[in-house]
C-alpha atoms as a PDB file:
ATOM      1  CA  MET A   1      94.898 -16.980 119.540  1.00  0.00           C
ATOM      2  CA  ASP A   2      96.319 -15.127 116.528  1.00  0.00           C
ATOM      3  CA  SER A   3      95.785 -11.380 116.123  1.00  0.00           C
ATOM      4  CA  ILE A   4      93.120 -10.009 113.823  1.00  0.00           C
ATOM      5  CA  HIS A   5      94.419  -8.744 110.487  1.00  0.00           C
ATOM      6  CA  VAL A   6      92.828  -5.641 108.960  1.00  0.00           C
ATOM      7  CA  THR A   7      92.350  -5.924 105.195  1.00  0.00           C
ATOM      8  CA  ASN A   8      91.510  -2.836 103.150  1.00  0.00           C
ATOM      9  CA  TYR A   9      89.664  -2.763  99.820  1.00  0.00           C
ATOM     10  CA  GLU A  10      88.684   0.198  97.658  1.00  0.00           C
ATOM     11  CA  PRO A  11      86.096  -0.776  95.027  1.00  0.00           C
ATOM     12  CA  ASN A  12      85.313   2.084  92.675  1.00  0.00           C
ATOM     13  CA  ILE A  13      81.811   3.020  93.869  1.00  0.00           C
ATOM     14  CA  GLY A  14      82.327   6.697  94.606  1.00  0.00           C
ATOM     15  CA  LEU A  15      80.322   7.377  97.780  1.00  0.00           C
ATOM     16  CA  GLY A  16      83.309   8.254  99.923  1.00  0.00           C
ATOM     17  CA  LEU A  17      82.173   6.078 102.850  1.00  0.00           C
ATOM     18  CA  ARG A  18      84.160   3.563 104.901  1.00  0.00           C
ATOM     19  CA  ILE A  19      82.336   0.438 105.971  1.00  0.00           C
ATOM     20  CA  ALA A  20      83.465  -2.424 108.160  1.00  0.00           C
ATOM     21  CA  LEU A  21      82.652  -6.014 107.206  1.00  0.00           C
ATOM     22  CA  VAL A  22      82.507  -8.418 110.152  1.00  0.00           C
ATOM     23  CA  THR A  23      81.654 -12.061 109.526  1.00  0.00           C
ATOM     24  CA  ASP A  24      81.442 -15.252 111.572  1.00  0.00           C
ATOM     25  CA  MET A  25      81.769 -13.732 115.027  1.00  0.00           C
ATOM     26  CA  HIS A  26      79.924 -16.756 116.521  1.00  0.00           C
ATOM     27  CA  SER A  27      79.399 -15.171 119.949  1.00  0.00           C
ATOM     28  CA  MET A  28      83.112 -15.470 120.717  1.00  0.00           C
ATOM     29  CA  PRO A  29      85.346 -13.066 122.729  1.00  0.00           C
ATOM     30  CA  TYR A  30      85.674  -9.765 120.908  1.00  0.00           C
ATOM     31  CA  ASP A  31      87.894  -7.348 122.872  1.00  0.00           C
ATOM     32  CA  GLU A  32      90.517  -7.036 120.124  1.00  0.00           C
ATOM     33  CA  LEU A  33      87.854  -6.707 117.428  1.00  0.00           C
ATOM     34  CA  LEU A  34      86.082  -3.914 119.313  1.00  0.00           C
ATOM     35  CA  MET A  35      89.387  -2.094 119.765  1.00  0.00           C
ATOM     36  CA  LEU A  36      90.092  -2.313 116.033  1.00  0.00           C
ATOM     37  CA  LEU A  37      86.597  -1.150 115.083  1.00  0.00           C
ATOM     38  CA  THR A  38      86.920   1.800 117.438  1.00  0.00           C
ATOM     39  CA  LYS A  39      90.284   2.684 115.885  1.00  0.00           C
ATOM     40  CA  GLU A  40      89.046   2.312 112.290  1.00  0.00           C
ATOM     41  CA  SER A  41      85.917   4.421 113.006  1.00  0.00           C
ATOM     42  CA  PRO A  42      83.737   3.096 110.152  1.00  0.00           C
ATOM     43  CA  ASP A  43      80.683   4.975 108.871  1.00  0.00           C
ATOM     44  CA  ALA A  44      78.672   1.736 109.049  1.00  0.00           C
ATOM     45  CA  ILE A  45      79.242  -1.799 110.309  1.00  0.00           C
ATOM     46  CA  LEU A  46      77.944  -4.661 108.162  1.00  0.00           C
ATOM     47  CA  LEU A  47      77.645  -8.142 109.679  1.00  0.00           C
ATOM     48  CA  SER A  48      77.410 -10.844 107.030  1.00  0.00           C
ATOM     49  CA  GLY A  49      76.013 -13.752 109.029  1.00  0.00           C
ATOM     50  CA  ASP A  50      76.762 -15.963 112.045  1.00  0.00           C
ATOM     51  CA  THR A  51      77.128 -13.153 114.542  1.00  0.00           C
ATOM     52  CA  LEU A  52      75.075 -15.055 117.134  1.00  0.00           C
ATOM     53  CA  GLU A  53      74.738 -18.738 118.015  1.00  0.00           C
ATOM     54  CA  ARG A  54      71.065 -19.659 117.689  1.00  0.00           C
ATOM     55  CA  HIS A  55      70.893 -23.325 116.713  1.00  0.00           C
ATOM     56  CA  LYS A  56      69.759 -25.345 119.698  1.00  0.00           C
ATOM     57  CA  GLU A  57      67.632 -28.346 118.800  1.00  0.00           C
ATOM     58  CA  GLY A  58      64.032 -27.998 119.957  1.00  0.00           C
ATOM     59  CA  LYS A  59      64.015 -24.194 120.127  1.00  0.00           C
ATOM     60  CA  SER A  60      62.457 -23.797 116.683  1.00  0.00           C
ATOM     61  CA  GLU A  61      61.128 -25.805 113.753  1.00  0.00           C
ATOM     62  CA  TRP A  62      64.645 -26.096 112.344  1.00  0.00           C
ATOM     63  CA  ASN A  63      67.296 -28.718 112.997  1.00  0.00           C
ATOM     64  CA  PHE A  64      70.619 -29.685 111.431  1.00  0.00           C
ATOM     65  CA  LEU A  65      69.070 -31.957 108.819  1.00  0.00           C
ATOM     66  CA  SER A  66      66.328 -29.549 107.765  1.00  0.00           C
ATOM     67  CA  MET A  67      68.876 -26.745 107.397  1.00  0.00           C
ATOM     68  CA  GLU A  68      70.982 -28.768 104.981  1.00  0.00           C
ATOM     69  CA  GLN A  69      68.569 -28.158 102.110  1.00  0.00           C
ATOM     70  CA  TRP A  70      69.557 -24.490 102.299  1.00  0.00           C
ATOM     71  CA  GLN A  71      73.304 -25.002 102.754  1.00  0.00           C
ATOM     72  CA  PHE A  72      74.233 -27.964 100.571  1.00  0.00           C
ATOM     73  CA  LEU A  73      72.790 -26.739  97.291  1.00  0.00           C
ATOM     74  CA  PRO A  74      71.915 -29.248  94.532  1.00  0.00           C
ATOM     75  CA  GLU A  75      75.002 -28.080  92.641  1.00  0.00           C
ATOM     76  CA  MET A  76      77.158 -29.218  95.589  1.00  0.00           C
ATOM     77  CA  LYS A  77      75.627 -32.637  96.319  1.00  0.00           C
ATOM     78  CA  GLY A  78      77.858 -35.703  96.367  1.00  0.00           C
ATOM     79  CA  PRO A  79      80.044 -37.854  98.641  1.00  0.00           C
ATOM     80  CA  MET A  80      81.737 -34.713  99.984  1.00  0.00           C
ATOM     81  CA  VAL A  81      78.553 -33.750 101.845  1.00  0.00           C
ATOM     82  CA  SER A  82      78.605 -36.932 103.926  1.00  0.00           C
ATOM     83  CA  LEU A  83      82.325 -36.558 104.613  1.00  0.00           C
ATOM     84  CA  MET A  84      81.901 -32.959 105.760  1.00  0.00           C
ATOM     85  CA  ARG A  85      79.110 -33.914 108.162  1.00  0.00           C
ATOM     86  CA  VAL A  86      81.551 -36.225 109.932  1.00  0.00           C
ATOM     87  CA  LEU A  87      84.520 -33.817 109.895  1.00  0.00           C
ATOM     88  CA  ASP A  88      82.506 -30.846 111.123  1.00  0.00           C
ATOM     89  CA  ARG A  89      81.152 -32.734 114.123  1.00  0.00           C
ATOM     90  CA  LEU A  90      84.658 -33.954 115.025  1.00  0.00           C
ATOM     91  CA  VAL A  91      86.330 -30.545 115.002  1.00  0.00           C
ATOM     92  CA  GLU A  92      83.498 -28.305 116.213  1.00  0.00           C
ATOM     93  CA  HIS A  93      84.164 -26.299 119.357  1.00  0.00           C
ATOM     94  CA  LYS A  94      81.847 -27.951 121.900  1.00  0.00           C
ATOM     95  CA  GLY A  95      81.309 -24.826 123.990  1.00  0.00           C
ATOM     96  CA  ILE A  96      79.891 -22.832 121.101  1.00  0.00           C
ATOM     97  CA  GLU A  97      76.345 -22.760 122.491  1.00  0.00           C
ATOM     98  CA  ASP A  98      77.059 -21.962 126.130  1.00  0.00           C
ATOM     99  CA  GLU A  99      74.834 -19.238 127.573  1.00  0.00           C
ATOM    100  CA  GLU A 100      77.928 -17.201 128.400  1.00  0.00           C
ATOM    101  CA  GLU A 101      78.982 -17.223 124.749  1.00  0.00           C
ATOM    102  CA  GLU A 102      75.479 -16.294 123.593  1.00  0.00           C
ATOM    103  CA  ASP A 103      75.681 -13.282 125.916  1.00  0.00           C
ATOM    104  CA  LEU A 104      79.024 -12.327 124.336  1.00  0.00           C
ATOM    105  CA  GLY A 105      77.301 -12.061 120.961  1.00  0.00           C
ATOM    106  CA  LEU A 106      74.694  -9.679 122.310  1.00  0.00           C
ATOM    107  CA  ALA A 107      77.352  -7.745 124.213  1.00  0.00           C
ATOM    108  CA  PHE A 108      79.303  -7.347 120.971  1.00  0.00           C
ATOM    109  CA  LEU A 109      76.220  -5.989 119.204  1.00  0.00           C
ATOM    110  CA  ARG A 110      75.528  -3.629 122.091  1.00  0.00           C
ATOM    111  CA  ASP A 111      79.062  -2.231 122.003  1.00  0.00           C
ATOM    112  CA  ILE A 112      79.370  -1.775 118.240  1.00  0.00           C
ATOM    113  CA  SER A 113      75.933  -0.137 118.022  1.00  0.00           C
ATOM    114  CA  LYS A 114      77.527   2.775 119.894  1.00  0.00           C
ATOM    115  CA  LEU A 115      80.167   3.178 117.167  1.00  0.00           C
ATOM    116  CA  ALA A 116      78.160   3.308 113.926  1.00  0.00           C
ATOM    117  CA  PRO A 117      74.905   2.118 112.313  1.00  0.00           C
ATOM    118  CA  VAL A 118      74.789  -1.701 112.311  1.00  0.00           C
ATOM    119  CA  PHE A 119      73.239  -3.874 109.574  1.00  0.00           C
ATOM    120  CA  MET A 120      73.115  -7.627 110.163  1.00  0.00           C
ATOM    121  CA  SER A 121      72.231 -10.474 107.810  1.00  0.00           C
ATOM    122  CA  VAL A 122      71.378 -14.052 108.823  1.00  0.00           C
ATOM    123  CA  GLY A 123      73.738 -17.027 108.597  1.00  0.00           C
ATOM    124  CA  ASN A 124      73.499 -20.778 109.006  1.00  0.00           C
ATOM    125  CA  HIS A 125      74.136 -20.678 112.769  1.00  0.00           C
ATOM    126  CA  GLU A 126      71.179 -18.320 113.269  1.00  0.00           C
ATOM    127  CA  TRP A 127      68.176 -20.636 112.888  1.00  0.00           C
ATOM    128  CA  TYR A 128      65.983 -18.339 114.964  1.00  0.00           C
ATOM    129  CA  PHE A 129      65.993 -15.163 117.027  1.00  0.00           C
ATOM    130  CA  THR A 130      64.250 -15.128 120.392  1.00  0.00           C
ATOM    131  CA  ALA A 131      61.704 -12.500 121.450  1.00  0.00           C
ATOM    132  CA  GLU A 132      64.421 -11.049 123.690  1.00  0.00           C
ATOM    133  CA  ASP A 133      66.762 -10.840 120.708  1.00  0.00           C
ATOM    134  CA  GLU A 134      64.146  -8.974 118.674  1.00  0.00           C
ATOM    135  CA  ARG A 135      63.619  -6.414 121.439  1.00  0.00           C
ATOM    136  CA  PHE A 136      67.383  -6.049 121.792  1.00  0.00           C
ATOM    137  CA  PHE A 137      67.757  -5.260 118.078  1.00  0.00           C
ATOM    138  CA  VAL A 138      64.997  -2.653 118.159  1.00  0.00           C
ATOM    139  CA  ASP A 139      66.225  -0.985 121.344  1.00  0.00           C
ATOM    140  CA  ARG A 140      69.723  -0.549 119.854  1.00  0.00           C
ATOM    141  CA  ASN A 141      68.679   0.388 116.313  1.00  0.00           C
ATOM    142  CA  ILE A 142      70.331  -2.703 114.838  1.00  0.00           C
ATOM    143  CA  THR A 143      68.858  -3.419 111.407  1.00  0.00           C
ATOM    144  CA  VAL A 144      68.377  -7.152 110.800  1.00  0.00           C
ATOM    145  CA  LEU A 145      68.116  -7.982 107.089  1.00  0.00           C
ATOM    146  CA  ASP A 146      66.476 -11.405 106.835  1.00  0.00           C
ATOM    147  CA  ASN A 147      65.779 -11.607 103.089  1.00  0.00           C
ATOM    148  CA  ALA A 148      65.106  -7.891 103.265  1.00  0.00           C
ATOM    149  CA  ASP A 149      66.630  -4.604 102.159  1.00  0.00           C
ATOM    150  CA  VAL A 150      66.611  -1.049 103.396  1.00  0.00           C
ATOM    151  CA  GLN A 151      67.536   2.314 101.908  1.00  0.00           C
ATOM    152  CA  VAL A 152      69.724   4.365 104.200  1.00  0.00           C
ATOM    153  CA  THR A 153      71.424   7.741 104.171  1.00  0.00           C
ATOM    154  CA  ILE A 154      74.877   7.834 105.719  1.00  0.00           C
ATOM    155  CA  LYS A 155      76.780  11.116 105.785  1.00  0.00           C
ATOM    156  CA  GLY A 156      74.404  12.441 103.140  1.00  0.00           C
ATOM    157  CA  LYS A 157      75.006   9.478 100.805  1.00  0.00           C
ATOM    158  CA  LYS A 158      72.122   7.196  99.854  1.00  0.00           C
ATOM    159  CA  LEU A 159      72.557   3.473  99.359  1.00  0.00           C
ATOM    160  CA  ARG A 160      70.598   0.253  99.705  1.00  0.00           C
ATOM    161  CA  ILE A 161      71.731  -2.644 101.876  1.00  0.00           C
ATOM    162  CA  GLY A 162      70.122  -6.082 101.599  1.00  0.00           C
ATOM    163  CA  GLY A 163      70.680  -9.385 103.324  1.00  0.00           C
ATOM    164  CA  LEU A 164      70.237 -12.796 101.669  1.00  0.00           C
ATOM    165  CA  SER A 165      69.721 -15.334 104.460  1.00  0.00           C
ATOM    166  CA  THR A 166      70.866 -18.938 104.617  1.00  0.00           C
ATOM    167  CA  ARG A 167      67.191 -19.806 104.063  1.00  0.00           C
ATOM    168  CA  TYR A 168      67.214 -17.674 100.951  1.00  0.00           C
ATOM    169  CA  ASP A 169      64.191 -16.043  99.322  1.00  0.00           C
ATOM    170  CA  LEU A 170      64.918 -15.695  95.601  1.00  0.00           C
ATOM    171  CA  ASP A 171      61.663 -13.813  94.955  1.00  0.00           C
ATOM    172  CA  TRP A 172      62.774 -11.085  97.346  1.00  0.00           C
ATOM    173  CA  LEU A 173      66.258 -11.155  95.814  1.00  0.00           C
ATOM    174  CA  GLU A 174      64.853 -10.541  92.334  1.00  0.00           C
ATOM    175  CA  GLU A 175      62.824  -7.586  93.615  1.00  0.00           C
ATOM    176  CA  TYR A 176      65.873  -6.139  95.335  1.00  0.00           C
ATOM    177  CA  ALA A 177      67.990  -6.586  92.212  1.00  0.00           C
ATOM    178  CA  GLN A 178      65.535  -4.459  90.226  1.00  0.00           C
ATOM    179  CA  LYS A 179      65.716  -1.478  92.582  1.00  0.00           C
ATOM    180  CA  GLU A 180      67.725   1.547  91.544  1.00  0.00           C
ATOM    181  CA  GLY A 181      70.682   3.129  93.269  1.00  0.00           C
ATOM    182  CA  THR A 182      73.875   1.832  94.825  1.00  0.00           C
ATOM    183  CA  LYS A 183      73.182  -1.641  96.216  1.00  0.00           C
ATOM    184  CA  ILE A 184      75.170  -3.806  98.647  1.00  0.00           C
ATOM    185  CA  LEU A 185      74.205  -7.440  99.209  1.00  0.00           C
ATOM    186  CA  LEU A 186      75.169  -9.237 102.406  1.00  0.00           C
ATOM    187  CA  CYS A 187      75.330 -12.881 101.332  1.00  0.00           C
ATOM    188  CA  HIS A 188      76.731 -15.108 104.070  1.00  0.00           C
ATOM    189  CA  HIS A 189      77.314 -18.076 101.743  1.00  0.00           C
ATOM    190  CA  PRO A 190      79.768 -17.437  98.866  1.00  0.00           C
ATOM    191  CA  GLU A 191      78.277 -20.460  97.089  1.00  0.00           C
ATOM    192  CA  HIS A 192      74.851 -18.791  97.078  1.00  0.00           C
ATOM    193  CA  TYR A 193      76.344 -15.947  95.061  1.00  0.00           C
ATOM    194  CA  LYS A 194      78.222 -18.393  92.810  1.00  0.00           C
ATOM    195  CA  TYR A 195      75.269 -20.660  92.018  1.00  0.00           C
ATOM    196  CA  LYS A 196      72.223 -18.388  92.393  1.00  0.00           C
ATOM    197  CA  ILE A 197      73.325 -14.887  91.362  1.00  0.00           C
ATOM    198  CA  LYS A 198      76.642 -14.524  89.540  1.00  0.00           C
ATOM    199  CA  ASP A 199      76.388 -13.732  85.820  1.00  0.00           C
ATOM    200  CA  ARG A 200      72.577 -13.829  85.895  1.00  0.00           C
ATOM    201  CA  LYS A 201      70.123 -11.019  85.271  1.00  0.00           C
ATOM    202  CA  ILE A 202      69.761 -10.441  89.001  1.00  0.00           C
ATOM    203  CA  ASP A 203      73.497  -9.764  89.369  1.00  0.00           C
ATOM    204  CA  THR A 204      72.960  -5.999  89.565  1.00  0.00           C
ATOM    205  CA  PHE A 205      74.663  -5.372  92.894  1.00  0.00           C
ATOM    206  CA  ASP A 206      77.583  -2.996  93.295  1.00  0.00           C
ATOM    207  CA  LEU A 207      79.101  -5.098  96.059  1.00  0.00           C
ATOM    208  CA  VAL A 208      78.470  -8.583  97.467  1.00  0.00           C
ATOM    209  CA  LEU A 209      79.889  -9.336 100.926  1.00  0.00           C
ATOM    210  CA  SER A 210      80.294 -12.907 102.210  1.00  0.00           C
ATOM    211  CA  GLY A 211      81.878 -14.976 104.971  1.00  0.00           C
ATOM    212  CA  HIS A 212      81.067 -18.565 105.998  1.00  0.00           C
ATOM    213  CA  TYR A 213      84.305 -20.150 104.725  1.00  0.00           C
ATOM    214  CA  HIS A 214      86.351 -18.945 107.733  1.00  0.00           C
ATOM    215  CA  GLY A 215      89.157 -18.334 105.264  1.00  0.00           C
ATOM    216  CA  GLY A 216      89.488 -22.067 104.721  1.00  0.00           C
ATOM    217  CA  GLN A 217      90.400 -22.716 108.391  1.00  0.00           C
ATOM    218  CA  TRP A 218      93.714 -24.066 107.105  1.00  0.00           C
ATOM    219  CA  ARG A 219      94.838 -22.180 104.010  1.00  0.00           C
ATOM    220  CA  ILE A 220      97.666 -22.522 101.512  1.00  0.00           C
ATOM    221  CA  GLY A 221      97.760 -19.432  99.325  1.00  0.00           C
ATOM    222  CA  ASN A 222      94.108 -18.907  98.506  1.00  0.00           C
ATOM    223  CA  VAL A 223      93.124 -22.566  98.727  1.00  0.00           C
ATOM    224  CA  GLY A 224      91.216 -23.723 101.802  1.00  0.00           C
ATOM    225  CA  VAL A 225      92.596 -27.088 102.887  1.00  0.00           C
ATOM    226  CA  TYR A 226      89.591 -27.685 105.146  1.00  0.00           C
ATOM    227  CA  VAL A 227      86.557 -25.435 104.756  1.00  0.00           C
ATOM    228  CA  PRO A 228      83.928 -26.126 107.447  1.00  0.00           C
ATOM    229  CA  ARG A 229      80.570 -27.250 105.999  1.00  0.00           C
ATOM    230  CA  ILE A 230      81.924 -27.053 102.435  1.00  0.00           C
ATOM    231  CA  GLY A 231      84.772 -29.409 101.592  1.00  0.00           C
ATOM    232  CA  LEU A 232      88.479 -29.943 101.111  1.00  0.00           C
ATOM    233  CA  MET A 233      90.926 -28.027  98.894  1.00  0.00           C
ATOM    234  CA  ILE A 234      88.439 -25.289  97.981  1.00  0.00           C
ATOM    235  CA  PRO A 235      89.817 -22.367  95.890  1.00  0.00           C
ATOM    236  CA  LYS A 236      88.992 -18.679  96.377  1.00  0.00           C
ATOM    237  CA  VAL A 237      88.096 -18.879 100.061  1.00  0.00           C
ATOM    238  CA  LYS A 238      89.172 -15.328 100.911  1.00  0.00           C
ATOM    239  CA  GLY A 239      89.705 -12.085  99.046  1.00  0.00           C
ATOM    240  CA  LYS A 240      88.173  -9.772  96.475  1.00  0.00           C
ATOM    241  CA  PHE A 241      86.908 -11.320  93.255  1.00  0.00           C
ATOM    242  CA  GLY A 242      85.450  -8.524  91.185  1.00  0.00           C
ATOM    243  CA  LYS A 243      82.482  -7.168  93.147  1.00  0.00           C
ATOM    244  CA  HIS A 244      82.515 -10.173  95.511  1.00  0.00           C
ATOM    245  CA  ILE A 245      84.445  -9.886  98.777  1.00  0.00           C
ATOM    246  CA  ILE A 246      84.834 -12.975 100.985  1.00  0.00           C
ATOM    247  CA  SER A 247      86.080 -12.389 104.522  1.00  0.00           C
ATOM    248  CA  ALA A 248      88.062 -14.948 106.512  1.00  0.00           C
ATOM    249  CA  GLY A 249      85.958 -14.120 109.574  1.00  0.00           C
ATOM    250  CA  VAL A 250      86.840 -12.924 113.056  1.00  0.00           C
ATOM    251  CA  SER A 251      86.715 -16.076 115.200  1.00  0.00           C
ATOM    252  CA  ASN A 252      87.752 -19.706 115.394  1.00  0.00           C
ATOM    253  CA  THR A 253      84.996 -22.236 116.105  1.00  0.00           C
ATOM    254  CA  THR A 254      87.014 -25.450 115.852  1.00  0.00           C
ATOM    255  CA  ARG A 255      89.251 -27.376 118.234  1.00  0.00           C
ATOM    256  CA  PHE A 256      92.276 -26.571 116.057  1.00  0.00           C
ATOM    257  CA  PRO A 257      94.132 -23.330 115.273  1.00  0.00           C
ATOM    258  CA  ARG A 258      93.760 -21.494 112.001  1.00  0.00           C
ATOM    259  CA  LEU A 259      96.863 -22.171 109.893  1.00  0.00           C
ATOM    260  CA  GLY A 260      98.066 -19.666 107.292  1.00  0.00           C
ATOM    261  CA  ASN A 261      94.755 -17.974 107.902  1.00  0.00           C
ATOM    262  CA  PRO A 262      94.621 -15.118 110.434  1.00  0.00           C
ATOM    263  CA  ARG A 263      91.287 -13.796 111.614  1.00  0.00           C
ATOM    264  CA  GLU A 264      90.189 -10.821 109.565  1.00  0.00           C
ATOM    265  CA  LEU A 265      88.388  -7.482 109.825  1.00  0.00           C
ATOM    266  CA  VAL A 266      87.644  -6.093 106.371  1.00  0.00           C
ATOM    267  CA  MET A 267      87.513  -2.328 105.820  1.00  0.00           C
ATOM    268  CA  ILE A 268      85.986  -1.183 102.538  1.00  0.00           C
ATOM    269  CA  LYS A 269      86.107   2.353 101.134  1.00  0.00           C
ATOM    270  CA  ILE A 270      83.084   2.763  98.886  1.00  0.00           C
END
């Protein structure tokens, strides 16, 4: 597997803090990632969705079809949706829901909670959290932001961090947008920012942090040749676009290697 690339951004926010953005971990092996996080020594670690694998049929009210209403937005409907259903099932890594891999996700959270405060939003692979998960989060002071926000003080600096889930709550989002202070939004789906937030009155956030695209899986320049769950030849699948940062993610969940698209840990000086 390719090495993880560390990408640094410095948006002009002025708090003097360094935060790590980790997306799309998917309960995969994480030794190299933990080593890099330890070396980078962030003041906070922000997880923008799909850290754990929690999408087994029958474990909750949700299933693949019922989740599609939240992922394939009306603005995205069309023949591409049907094509992507087929492609995603063909290339998906079949071991993604093994118990051993689920334990790796919790082990990762346990280890990084020793490094810095951890704030985690909810992605499309996290349909539910078990009672054991909830106790785990509380015991390790991991803040889960499921359509929720929190004000924190880190090294004497105050800021708000909110998480817009795959099953988004736009009423909560509007309330969060109206709050004062420096605000970061964890928004797993870049398309949710594009279609629901960008250039609207609620676009009051200082920074929006996304993943989900896996950097395009196969990328030419900044065009994703194949973007899981989204489509083919998608532009702007990774990088900083104004206040919006999209990470390529830290794992590979398909049967095929990532091409022109190394795994990525994003470090942000705010």
